[in-house]
Amino acid sequence: MLELFISGGPLFMGLLTIELVFLIIAAWKAPAWTKEIGLLALITGILSTLLGFSQVCDAIQQAGDVSMSVMAGGIKVGLIPIIYGGLIYVASLIIRIIHKPRI
């Protein structure tokens, strides 16, 4: 699990973890904010991936020819923050469903 965290980039993965902690705190203190915090985590994951792919495109442009296996490994690593942000968003939706008033 720590390998995925480091592979995903410590800056954005750390930011996503902080957002997860805020989500857990918001579940107790401010349940109305859970969906917004989860959406922020999803957008942070997407932004991280887009910035990473931008850097990869610059590196490929400078290197010239890159093998497909190296490119596939880079795409796999680049998708880690989106998956983590998406899981946080799903958790926020589940928390919101639990906190909805009963009919």
PDB file of N, CA and C in Angstrom:
ATOM      1  N   MET A   1       0.825  -1.185   0.000  1.00  0.00           N
ATOM      2  CA  MET A   1       0.000   0.000   0.000  1.00  0.00           C
ATOM      3  C   MET A   1       0.873   1.254   0.000  1.00  0.00           C
ATOM      4  N   LEU A   2       1.962   1.192   0.751  1.00  0.00           N
ATOM      5  CA  LEU A   2       2.877   2.328   0.785  1.00  0.00           C
ATOM      6  C   LEU A   2       3.536   2.536  -0.574  1.00  0.00           C
ATOM      7  N   GLU A   3       3.759   1.438  -1.308  1.00  0.00           N
ATOM      8  CA  GLU A   3       4.337   1.549  -2.646  1.00  0.00           C
ATOM      9  C   GLU A   3       3.413   2.325  -3.579  1.00  0.00           C
ATOM     10  N   LEU A   4       2.106   2.074  -3.490  1.00  0.00           N
ATOM     11  CA  LEU A   4       1.143   2.816  -4.312  1.00  0.00           C
ATOM     12  C   LEU A   4       1.134   4.288  -3.934  1.00  0.00           C
ATOM     13  N   PHE A   5       1.233   4.556  -2.631  1.00  0.00           N
ATOM     14  CA  PHE A   5       1.236   5.940  -2.169  1.00  0.00           C
ATOM     15  C   PHE A   5       2.439   6.694  -2.736  1.00  0.00           C
ATOM     16  N   ILE A   6       3.601   6.094  -2.674  1.00  0.00           N
ATOM     17  CA  ILE A   6       4.812   6.741  -3.168  1.00  0.00           C
ATOM     18  C   ILE A   6       4.801   6.815  -4.689  1.00  0.00           C
ATOM     19  N   SER A   7       4.315   5.757  -5.348  1.00  0.00           N
ATOM     20  CA  SER A   7       4.263   5.759  -6.808  1.00  0.00           C
ATOM     21  C   SER A   7       3.312   6.818  -7.336  1.00  0.00           C
ATOM     22  N   GLY A   8       2.232   7.061  -6.621  1.00  0.00           N
ATOM     23  CA  GLY A   8       1.252   8.057  -7.059  1.00  0.00           C
ATOM     24  C   GLY A   8       1.737   9.481  -6.915  1.00  0.00           C
ATOM     25  N   GLY A   9       2.844   9.694  -6.275  1.00  0.00           N
ATOM     26  CA  GLY A   9       3.373  11.041  -6.079  1.00  0.00           C
ATOM     27  C   GLY A   9       3.065  11.524  -4.681  1.00  0.00           C
ATOM     28  N   PRO A  10       4.078  11.724  -3.862  1.00  0.00           N
ATOM     29  CA  PRO A  10       3.833  12.048  -2.457  1.00  0.00           C
ATOM     30  C   PRO A  10       3.093  13.359  -2.248  1.00  0.00           C
ATOM     31  N   LEU A  11       3.248  14.326  -3.138  1.00  0.00           N
ATOM     32  CA  LEU A  11       2.583  15.620  -2.959  1.00  0.00           C
ATOM     33  C   LEU A  11       1.072  15.471  -3.060  1.00  0.00           C
ATOM     34  N   PHE A  12       0.606  14.964  -4.191  1.00  0.00           N
ATOM     35  CA  PHE A  12      -0.837  14.870  -4.380  1.00  0.00           C
ATOM     36  C   PHE A  12      -1.461  13.740  -3.569  1.00  0.00           C
ATOM     37  N   MET A  13      -0.736  12.649  -3.368  1.00  0.00           N
ATOM     38  CA  MET A  13      -1.280  11.575  -2.546  1.00  0.00           C
ATOM     39  C   MET A  13      -1.378  12.032  -1.084  1.00  0.00           C
ATOM     40  N   GLY A  14      -0.432  12.831  -0.636  1.00  0.00           N
ATOM     41  CA  GLY A  14      -0.520  13.408   0.706  1.00  0.00           C
ATOM     42  C   GLY A  14      -1.699  14.353   0.819  1.00  0.00           C
ATOM     43  N   LEU A  15      -1.911  15.153  -0.214  1.00  0.00           N
ATOM     44  CA  LEU A  15      -3.052  16.067  -0.230  1.00  0.00           C
ATOM     45  C   LEU A  15      -4.368  15.294  -0.213  1.00  0.00           C
ATOM     46  N   LEU A  16      -4.436  14.218  -0.969  1.00  0.00           N
ATOM     47  CA  LEU A  16      -5.643  13.386  -0.973  1.00  0.00           C
ATOM     48  C   LEU A  16      -5.866  12.726   0.392  1.00  0.00           C
ATOM     49  N   THR A  17      -4.805  12.338   1.065  1.00  0.00           N
ATOM     50  CA  THR A  17      -4.938  11.745   2.391  1.00  0.00           C
ATOM     51  C   THR A  17      -5.436  12.777   3.398  1.00  0.00           C
ATOM     52  N   ILE A  18      -4.964  14.002   3.284  1.00  0.00           N
ATOM     53  CA  ILE A  18      -5.457  15.075   4.148  1.00  0.00           C
ATOM     54  C   ILE A  18      -6.942  15.302   3.891  1.00  0.00           C
ATOM     55  N   GLU A  19      -7.351  15.256   2.620  1.00  0.00           N
ATOM     56  CA  GLU A  19      -8.769  15.402   2.301  1.00  0.00           C
ATOM     57  C   GLU A  19      -9.588  14.238   2.860  1.00  0.00           C
ATOM     58  N   LEU A  20      -9.003  13.040   2.886  1.00  0.00           N
ATOM     59  CA  LEU A  20      -9.688  11.893   3.493  1.00  0.00           C
ATOM     60  C   LEU A  20      -9.867  12.102   4.995  1.00  0.00           C
ATOM     61  N   VAL A  21      -8.864  12.635   5.651  1.00  0.00           N
ATOM     62  CA  VAL A  21      -8.981  12.934   7.082  1.00  0.00           C
ATOM     63  C   VAL A  21     -10.058  13.990   7.319  1.00  0.00           C
ATOM     64  N   PHE A  22     -10.093  15.028   6.473  1.00  0.00           N
ATOM     65  CA  PHE A  22     -11.139  16.046   6.587  1.00  0.00           C
ATOM     66  C   PHE A  22     -12.520  15.432   6.379  1.00  0.00           C
ATOM     67  N   LEU A  23     -12.621  14.459   5.472  1.00  0.00           N
ATOM     68  CA  LEU A  23     -13.893  13.791   5.225  1.00  0.00           C
ATOM     69  C   LEU A  23     -14.352  13.035   6.467  1.00  0.00           C
ATOM     70  N   ILE A  24     -13.438  12.343   7.112  1.00  0.00           N
ATOM     71  CA  ILE A  24     -13.786  11.589   8.315  1.00  0.00           C
ATOM     72  C   ILE A  24     -14.211  12.540   9.436  1.00  0.00           C
ATOM     73  N   ILE A  25     -13.510  13.660   9.569  1.00  0.00           N
ATOM     74  CA  ILE A  25     -13.897  14.646  10.585  1.00  0.00           C
ATOM     75  C   ILE A  25     -15.238  15.275  10.243  1.00  0.00           C
ATOM     76  N   ALA A  26     -15.459  15.557   8.962  1.00  0.00           N
ATOM     77  CA  ALA A  26     -16.725  16.165   8.543  1.00  0.00           C
ATOM     78  C   ALA A  26     -17.896  15.213   8.748  1.00  0.00           C
ATOM     79  N   ALA A  27     -17.659  13.922   8.701  1.00  0.00           N
ATOM     80  CA  ALA A  27     -18.739  12.960   8.938  1.00  0.00           C
ATOM     81  C   ALA A  27     -19.301  13.117  10.342  1.00  0.00           C
ATOM     82  N   TRP A  28     -18.453  13.514  11.292  1.00  0.00           N
ATOM     83  CA  TRP A  28     -18.920  13.767  12.655  1.00  0.00           C
ATOM     84  C   TRP A  28     -19.444  15.181  12.833  1.00  0.00           C
ATOM     85  N   LYS A  29     -18.660  16.154  12.420  1.00  0.00           N
ATOM     86  CA  LYS A  29     -18.940  17.540  12.764  1.00  0.00           C
ATOM     87  C   LYS A  29     -19.859  18.256  11.775  1.00  0.00           C
ATOM     88  N   ALA A  30     -19.680  18.030  10.480  1.00  0.00           N
ATOM     89  CA  ALA A  30     -20.456  18.750   9.464  1.00  0.00           C
ATOM     90  C   ALA A  30     -20.834  17.801   8.336  1.00  0.00           C
ATOM     91  N   PRO A  31     -21.849  16.954   8.536  1.00  0.00           N
ATOM     92  CA  PRO A  31     -22.212  15.966   7.512  1.00  0.00           C
ATOM     93  C   PRO A  31     -22.636  16.585   6.182  1.00  0.00           C
ATOM     94  N   ALA A  32     -23.068  17.816   6.181  1.00  0.00           N
ATOM     95  CA  ALA A  32     -23.482  18.456   4.933  1.00  0.00           C
ATOM     96  C   ALA A  32     -22.302  18.709   3.995  1.00  0.00           C
ATOM     97  N   TRP A  33     -21.085  18.691   4.516  1.00  0.00           N
ATOM     98  CA  TRP A  33     -19.898  18.970   3.715  1.00  0.00           C
ATOM     99  C   TRP A  33     -19.260  17.719   3.127  1.00  0.00           C
ATOM    100  N   THR A  34     -19.775  16.552   3.440  1.00  0.00           N
ATOM    101  CA  THR A  34     -19.101  15.326   3.024  1.00  0.00           C
ATOM    102  C   THR A  34     -19.035  15.179   1.507  1.00  0.00           C
ATOM    103  N   LYS A  35     -20.120  15.483   0.821  1.00  0.00           N
ATOM    104  CA  LYS A  35     -20.113  15.333  -0.637  1.00  0.00           C
ATOM    105  C   LYS A  35     -19.131  16.303  -1.285  1.00  0.00           C
ATOM    106  N   GLU A  36     -19.076  17.532  -0.771  1.00  0.00           N
ATOM    107  CA  GLU A  36     -18.176  18.534  -1.340  1.00  0.00           C
ATOM    108  C   GLU A  36     -16.712  18.164  -1.121  1.00  0.00           C
ATOM    109  N   ILE A  37     -16.394  17.622   0.047  1.00  0.00           N
ATOM    110  CA  ILE A  37     -15.016  17.205   0.314  1.00  0.00           C
ATOM    111  C   ILE A  37     -14.648  16.030  -0.586  1.00  0.00           C
ATOM    112  N   GLY A  38     -15.572  15.103  -0.782  1.00  0.00           N
ATOM    113  CA  GLY A  38     -15.316  13.983  -1.683  1.00  0.00           C
ATOM    114  C   GLY A  38     -15.123  14.438  -3.118  1.00  0.00           C
ATOM    115  N   LEU A  39     -15.924  15.409  -3.544  1.00  0.00           N
ATOM    116  CA  LEU A  39     -15.778  15.949  -4.903  1.00  0.00           C
ATOM    117  C   LEU A  39     -14.453  16.673  -5.060  1.00  0.00           C
ATOM    118  N   LEU A  40     -14.025  17.370  -4.027  1.00  0.00           N
ATOM    119  CA  LEU A  40     -12.711  18.020  -4.049  1.00  0.00           C
ATOM    120  C   LEU A  40     -11.596  16.992  -4.184  1.00  0.00           C
ATOM    121  N   ALA A  41     -11.736  15.853  -3.512  1.00  0.00           N
ATOM    122  CA  ALA A  41     -10.732  14.794  -3.621  1.00  0.00           C
ATOM    123  C   ALA A  41     -10.695  14.220  -5.035  1.00  0.00           C
ATOM    124  N   LEU A  42     -11.858  14.034  -5.637  1.00  0.00           N
ATOM    125  CA  LEU A  42     -11.902  13.520  -7.003  1.00  0.00           C
ATOM    126  C   LEU A  42     -11.240  14.486  -7.979  1.00  0.00           C
ATOM    127  N   ILE A  43     -11.529  15.761  -7.855  1.00  0.00           N
ATOM    128  CA  ILE A  43     -10.936  16.775  -8.726  1.00  0.00           C
ATOM    129  C   ILE A  43      -9.430  16.869  -8.485  1.00  0.00           C
ATOM    130  N   THR A  44      -8.990  16.733  -7.245  1.00  0.00           N
ATOM    131  CA  THR A  44      -7.554  16.745  -6.943  1.00  0.00           C
ATOM    132  C   THR A  44      -6.854  15.570  -7.620  1.00  0.00           C
ATOM    133  N   GLY A  45      -7.470  14.396  -7.594  1.00  0.00           N
ATOM    134  CA  GLY A  45      -6.902  13.236  -8.266  1.00  0.00           C
ATOM    135  C   GLY A  45      -6.819  13.425  -9.771  1.00  0.00           C
ATOM    136  N   ILE A  46      -7.861  14.005 -10.364  1.00  0.00           N
ATOM    137  CA  ILE A  46      -7.851  14.263 -11.801  1.00  0.00           C
ATOM    138  C   ILE A  46      -6.776  15.283 -12.150  1.00  0.00           C
ATOM    139  N   LEU A  47      -6.677  16.341 -11.369  1.00  0.00           N
ATOM    140  CA  LEU A  47      -5.666  17.370 -11.615  1.00  0.00           C
ATOM    141  C   LEU A  47      -4.260  16.787 -11.500  1.00  0.00           C
ATOM    142  N   SER A  48      -4.039  15.935 -10.515  1.00  0.00           N
ATOM    143  CA  SER A  48      -2.732  15.305 -10.351  1.00  0.00           C
ATOM    144  C   SER A  48      -2.370  14.475 -11.573  1.00  0.00           C
ATOM    145  N   THR A  49      -3.327  13.707 -12.071  1.00  0.00           N
ATOM    146  CA  THR A  49      -3.072  12.872 -13.239  1.00  0.00           C
ATOM    147  C   THR A  49      -2.806  13.711 -14.475  1.00  0.00           C
ATOM    148  N   LEU A  50      -3.564  14.763 -14.664  1.00  0.00           N
ATOM    149  CA  LEU A  50      -3.354  15.622 -15.835  1.00  0.00           C
ATOM    150  C   LEU A  50      -1.992  16.311 -15.794  1.00  0.00           C
ATOM    151  N   LEU A  51      -1.593  16.765 -14.617  1.00  0.00           N
ATOM    152  CA  LEU A  51      -0.262  17.373 -14.503  1.00  0.00           C
ATOM    153  C   LEU A  51       0.838  16.342 -14.743  1.00  0.00           C
ATOM    154  N   GLY A  52       0.650  15.130 -14.244  1.00  0.00           N
ATOM    155  CA  GLY A  52       1.623  14.067 -14.468  1.00  0.00           C
ATOM    156  C   GLY A  52       1.723  13.700 -15.938  1.00  0.00           C
ATOM    157  N   PHE A  53       0.575  13.593 -16.626  1.00  0.00           N
ATOM    158  CA  PHE A  53       0.603  13.270 -18.052  1.00  0.00           C
ATOM    159  C   PHE A  53       1.237  14.390 -18.865  1.00  0.00           C
ATOM    160  N   SER A  54       1.061  15.619 -18.431  1.00  0.00           N
ATOM    161  CA  SER A  54       1.709  16.741 -19.109  1.00  0.00           C
ATOM    162  C   SER A  54       3.236  16.624 -19.002  1.00  0.00           C
ATOM    163  N   GLN A  55       3.719  16.274 -17.834  1.00  0.00           N
ATOM    164  CA  GLN A  55       5.155  16.086 -17.654  1.00  0.00           C
ATOM    165  C   GLN A  55       5.664  14.887 -18.454  1.00  0.00           C
ATOM    166  N   VAL A  56       4.860  13.841 -18.539  1.00  0.00           N
ATOM    167  CA  VAL A  56       5.246  12.662 -19.315  1.00  0.00           C
ATOM    168  C   VAL A  56       5.341  13.003 -20.802  1.00  0.00           C
ATOM    169  N   CYS A  57       4.399  13.788 -21.293  1.00  0.00           N
ATOM    170  CA  CYS A  57       4.443  14.181 -22.702  1.00  0.00           C
ATOM    171  C   CYS A  57       5.693  14.995 -23.009  1.00  0.00           C
ATOM    172  N   ASP A  58       6.093  15.863 -22.094  1.00  0.00           N
ATOM    173  CA  ASP A  58       7.337  16.616 -22.285  1.00  0.00           C
ATOM    174  C   ASP A  58       8.546  15.678 -22.318  1.00  0.00           C
ATOM    175  N   ALA A  59       8.560  14.690 -21.433  1.00  0.00           N
ATOM    176  CA  ALA A  59       9.688  13.747 -21.394  1.00  0.00           C
ATOM    177  C   ALA A  59       9.733  12.887 -22.655  1.00  0.00           C
ATOM    178  N   ILE A  60       8.571  12.459 -23.140  1.00  0.00           N
ATOM    179  CA  ILE A  60       8.529  11.661 -24.366  1.00  0.00           C
ATOM    180  C   ILE A  60       8.984  12.490 -25.560  1.00  0.00           C
ATOM    181  N   GLN A  61       8.584  13.746 -25.588  1.00  0.00           N
ATOM    182  CA  GLN A  61       8.986  14.626 -26.680  1.00  0.00           C
ATOM    183  C   GLN A  61      10.508  14.792 -26.706  1.00  0.00           C
ATOM    184  N   GLN A  62      11.118  14.922 -25.548  1.00  0.00           N
ATOM    185  CA  GLN A  62      12.572  15.076 -25.489  1.00  0.00           C
ATOM    186  C   GLN A  62      13.300  13.772 -25.794  1.00  0.00           C
ATOM    187  N   ALA A  63      12.737  12.635 -25.343  1.00  0.00           N
ATOM    188  CA  ALA A  63      13.416  11.350 -25.535  1.00  0.00           C
ATOM    189  C   ALA A  63      13.258  10.814 -26.954  1.00  0.00           C
ATOM    190  N   GLY A  64      12.160  11.139 -27.580  1.00  0.00           N
ATOM    191  CA  GLY A  64      11.926  10.640 -28.929  1.00  0.00           C
ATOM    192  C   GLY A  64      11.120   9.364 -28.914  1.00  0.00           C
ATOM    193  N   ASP A  65      11.765   8.226 -29.130  1.00  0.00           N
ATOM    194  CA  ASP A  65      11.074   6.942 -29.224  1.00  0.00           C
ATOM    195  C   ASP A  65      11.026   6.276 -27.848  1.00  0.00           C
ATOM    196  N   VAL A  66       9.809   5.923 -27.401  1.00  0.00           N
ATOM    197  CA  VAL A  66       9.627   5.279 -26.104  1.00  0.00           C
ATOM    198  C   VAL A  66       8.856   3.985 -26.331  1.00  0.00           C
ATOM    199  N   SER A  67       9.269   2.900 -25.676  1.00  0.00           N
ATOM    200  CA  SER A  67       8.593   1.616 -25.864  1.00  0.00           C
ATOM    201  C   SER A  67       7.201   1.648 -25.229  1.00  0.00           C
ATOM    202  N   MET A  68       6.342   0.803 -25.754  1.00  0.00           N
ATOM    203  CA  MET A  68       4.965   0.752 -25.270  1.00  0.00           C
ATOM    204  C   MET A  68       4.878   0.224 -23.843  1.00  0.00           C
ATOM    205  N   SER A  69       5.774  -0.674 -23.443  1.00  0.00           N
ATOM    206  CA  SER A  69       5.719  -1.202 -22.076  1.00  0.00           C
ATOM    207  C   SER A  69       6.059  -0.119 -21.058  1.00  0.00           C
ATOM    208  N   VAL A  70       6.999   0.748 -21.398  1.00  0.00           N
ATOM    209  CA  VAL A  70       7.334   1.858 -20.505  1.00  0.00           C
ATOM    210  C   VAL A  70       6.160   2.831 -20.429  1.00  0.00           C
ATOM    211  N   MET A  71       5.518   3.081 -21.567  1.00  0.00           N
ATOM    212  CA  MET A  71       4.383   4.002 -21.591  1.00  0.00           C
ATOM    213  C   MET A  71       3.196   3.429 -20.815  1.00  0.00           C
ATOM    214  N   ALA A  72       2.955   2.120 -20.941  1.00  0.00           N
ATOM    215  CA  ALA A  72       1.858   1.492 -20.200  1.00  0.00           C
ATOM    216  C   ALA A  72       2.107   1.544 -18.700  1.00  0.00           C
ATOM    217  N   GLY A  73       3.355   1.341 -18.292  1.00  0.00           N
ATOM    218  CA  GLY A  73       3.676   1.449 -16.868  1.00  0.00           C
ATOM    219  C   GLY A  73       3.462   2.858 -16.351  1.00  0.00           C
ATOM    220  N   GLY A  74       3.794   3.850 -17.160  1.00  0.00           N
ATOM    221  CA  GLY A  74       3.573   5.239 -16.768  1.00  0.00           C
ATOM    222  C   GLY A  74       2.101   5.577 -16.647  1.00  0.00           C
ATOM    223  N   ILE A  75       1.292   5.061 -17.557  1.00  0.00           N
ATOM    224  CA  ILE A  75      -0.157   5.298 -17.484  1.00  0.00           C
ATOM    225  C   ILE A  75      -0.728   4.639 -16.242  1.00  0.00           C
ATOM    226  N   LYS A  76      -0.259   3.431 -15.924  1.00  0.00           N
ATOM    227  CA  LYS A  76      -0.735   2.718 -14.728  1.00  0.00           C
ATOM    228  C   LYS A  76      -0.427   3.522 -13.465  1.00  0.00           C
ATOM    229  N   VAL A  77       0.774   4.053 -13.390  1.00  0.00           N
ATOM    230  CA  VAL A  77       1.159   4.852 -12.222  1.00  0.00           C
ATOM    231  C   VAL A  77       0.397   6.171 -12.212  1.00  0.00           C
ATOM    232  N   GLY A  78       0.148   6.732 -13.384  1.00  0.00           N
ATOM    233  CA  GLY A  78      -0.562   8.002 -13.458  1.00  0.00           C
ATOM    234  C   GLY A  78      -2.008   7.926 -13.025  1.00  0.00           C
ATOM    235  N   LEU A  79      -2.597   6.748 -13.094  1.00  0.00           N
ATOM    236  CA  LEU A  79      -3.999   6.594 -12.719  1.00  0.00           C
ATOM    237  C   LEU A  79      -4.213   6.365 -11.223  1.00  0.00           C
ATOM    238  N   ILE A  80      -3.151   6.166 -10.475  1.00  0.00           N
ATOM    239  CA  ILE A  80      -3.273   5.906  -9.032  1.00  0.00           C
ATOM    240  C   ILE A  80      -3.984   7.052  -8.295  1.00  0.00           C
ATOM    241  N   PRO A  81      -3.634   8.333  -8.501  1.00  0.00           N
ATOM    242  CA  PRO A  81      -4.349   9.397  -7.782  1.00  0.00           C
ATOM    243  C   PRO A  81      -5.824   9.505  -8.151  1.00  0.00           C
ATOM    244  N   ILE A  82      -6.179   9.224  -9.404  1.00  0.00           N
ATOM    245  CA  ILE A  82      -7.597   9.259  -9.782  1.00  0.00           C
ATOM    246  C   ILE A  82      -8.360   8.157  -9.049  1.00  0.00           C
ATOM    247  N   ILE A  83      -7.771   6.984  -8.962  1.00  0.00           N
ATOM    248  CA  ILE A  83      -8.432   5.882  -8.265  1.00  0.00           C
ATOM    249  C   ILE A  83      -8.601   6.219  -6.783  1.00  0.00           C
ATOM    250  N   TYR A  84      -7.563   6.768  -6.173  1.00  0.00           N
ATOM    251  CA  TYR A  84      -7.623   7.133  -4.751  1.00  0.00           C
ATOM    252  C   TYR A  84      -8.664   8.240  -4.522  1.00  0.00           C
ATOM    253  N   GLY A  85      -8.657   9.248  -5.375  1.00  0.00           N
ATOM    254  CA  GLY A  85      -9.652  10.317  -5.263  1.00  0.00           C
ATOM    255  C   GLY A  85     -11.061   9.803  -5.497  1.00  0.00           C
ATOM    256  N   GLY A  86     -11.220   8.874  -6.437  1.00  0.00           N
ATOM    257  CA  GLY A  86     -12.536   8.292  -6.690  1.00  0.00           C
ATOM    258  C   GLY A  86     -13.034   7.476  -5.512  1.00  0.00           C
ATOM    259  N   LEU A  87     -12.138   6.742  -4.870  1.00  0.00           N
ATOM    260  CA  LEU A  87     -12.535   5.982  -3.685  1.00  0.00           C
ATOM    261  C   LEU A  87     -12.952   6.906  -2.539  1.00  0.00           C
ATOM    262  N   ILE A  88     -12.260   8.023  -2.396  1.00  0.00           N
ATOM    263  CA  ILE A  88     -12.652   8.995  -1.368  1.00  0.00           C
ATOM    264  C   ILE A  88     -14.018   9.580  -1.692  1.00  0.00           C
ATOM    265  N   TYR A  89     -14.265   9.843  -2.980  1.00  0.00           N
ATOM    266  CA  TYR A  89     -15.570  10.380  -3.387  1.00  0.00           C
ATOM    267  C   TYR A  89     -16.681   9.369  -3.112  1.00  0.00           C
ATOM    268  N   VAL A  90     -16.443   8.111  -3.425  1.00  0.00           N
ATOM    269  CA  VAL A  90     -17.442   7.075  -3.147  1.00  0.00           C
ATOM    270  C   VAL A  90     -17.699   6.975  -1.641  1.00  0.00           C
ATOM    271  N   ALA A  91     -16.648   7.062  -0.840  1.00  0.00           N
ATOM    272  CA  ALA A  91     -16.824   7.041   0.617  1.00  0.00           C
ATOM    273  C   ALA A  91     -17.663   8.223   1.079  1.00  0.00           C
ATOM    274  N   SER A  92     -17.445   9.391   0.457  1.00  0.00           N
ATOM    275  CA  SER A  92     -18.234  10.563   0.848  1.00  0.00           C
ATOM    276  C   SER A  92     -19.706  10.391   0.484  1.00  0.00           C
ATOM    277  N   LEU A  93     -19.978   9.757  -0.651  1.00  0.00           N
ATOM    278  CA  LEU A  93     -21.370   9.511  -1.020  1.00  0.00           C
ATOM    279  C   LEU A  93     -22.031   8.512  -0.086  1.00  0.00           C
ATOM    280  N   ILE A  94     -21.286   7.487   0.320  1.00  0.00           N
ATOM    281  CA  ILE A  94     -21.836   6.509   1.261  1.00  0.00           C
ATOM    282  C   ILE A  94     -22.120   7.156   2.606  1.00  0.00           C
ATOM    283  N   ILE A  95     -21.217   8.000   3.066  1.00  0.00           N
ATOM    284  CA  ILE A  95     -21.437   8.717   4.328  1.00  0.00           C
ATOM    285  C   ILE A  95     -22.655   9.620   4.219  1.00  0.00           C
ATOM    286  N   ARG A  96     -22.803  10.273   3.087  1.00  0.00           N
ATOM    287  CA  ARG A  96     -23.952  11.160   2.890  1.00  0.00           C
ATOM    288  C   ARG A  96     -25.253  10.374   2.871  1.00  0.00           C
ATOM    289  N   ILE A  97     -25.251   9.198   2.242  1.00  0.00           N
ATOM    290  CA  ILE A  97     -26.452   8.369   2.225  1.00  0.00           C
ATOM    291  C   ILE A  97     -26.812   7.918   3.639  1.00  0.00           C
ATOM    292  N   ILE A  98     -25.809   7.575   4.427  1.00  0.00           N
ATOM    293  CA  ILE A  98     -26.068   7.142   5.799  1.00  0.00           C
ATOM    294  C   ILE A  98     -26.655   8.284   6.629  1.00  0.00           C
ATOM    295  N   HIS A  99     -26.189   9.510   6.369  1.00  0.00           N
ATOM    296  CA  HIS A  99     -26.652  10.656   7.156  1.00  0.00           C
ATOM    297  C   HIS A  99     -27.969  11.257   6.648  1.00  0.00           C
ATOM    298  N   LYS A 100     -28.486  10.794   5.525  1.00  0.00           N
ATOM    299  CA  LYS A 100     -29.755  11.328   5.011  1.00  0.00           C
ATOM    300  C   LYS A 100     -30.866  11.045   6.005  1.00  0.00           C
ATOM    301  N   PRO A 101     -31.794  11.988   6.127  1.00  0.00           N
ATOM    302  CA  PRO A 101     -32.912  11.738   7.047  1.00  0.00           C
ATOM    303  C   PRO A 101     -33.817  10.617   6.511  1.00  0.00           C
ATOM    304  N   ARG A 102     -34.337   9.833   7.426  1.00  0.00           N
ATOM    305  CA  ARG A 102     -35.219   8.721   7.047  1.00  0.00           C
ATOM    306  C   ARG A 102     -36.606   9.267   6.713  1.00  0.00           C
ATOM    307  N   ILE A 103     -37.259   8.600   5.807  1.00  0.00           N
ATOM    308  CA  ILE A 103     -38.637   9.024   5.429  1.00  0.00           C
ATOM    309  C   ILE A 103     -39.639   8.231   6.237  1.00  0.00           C
TER     310      ILE A 103
END
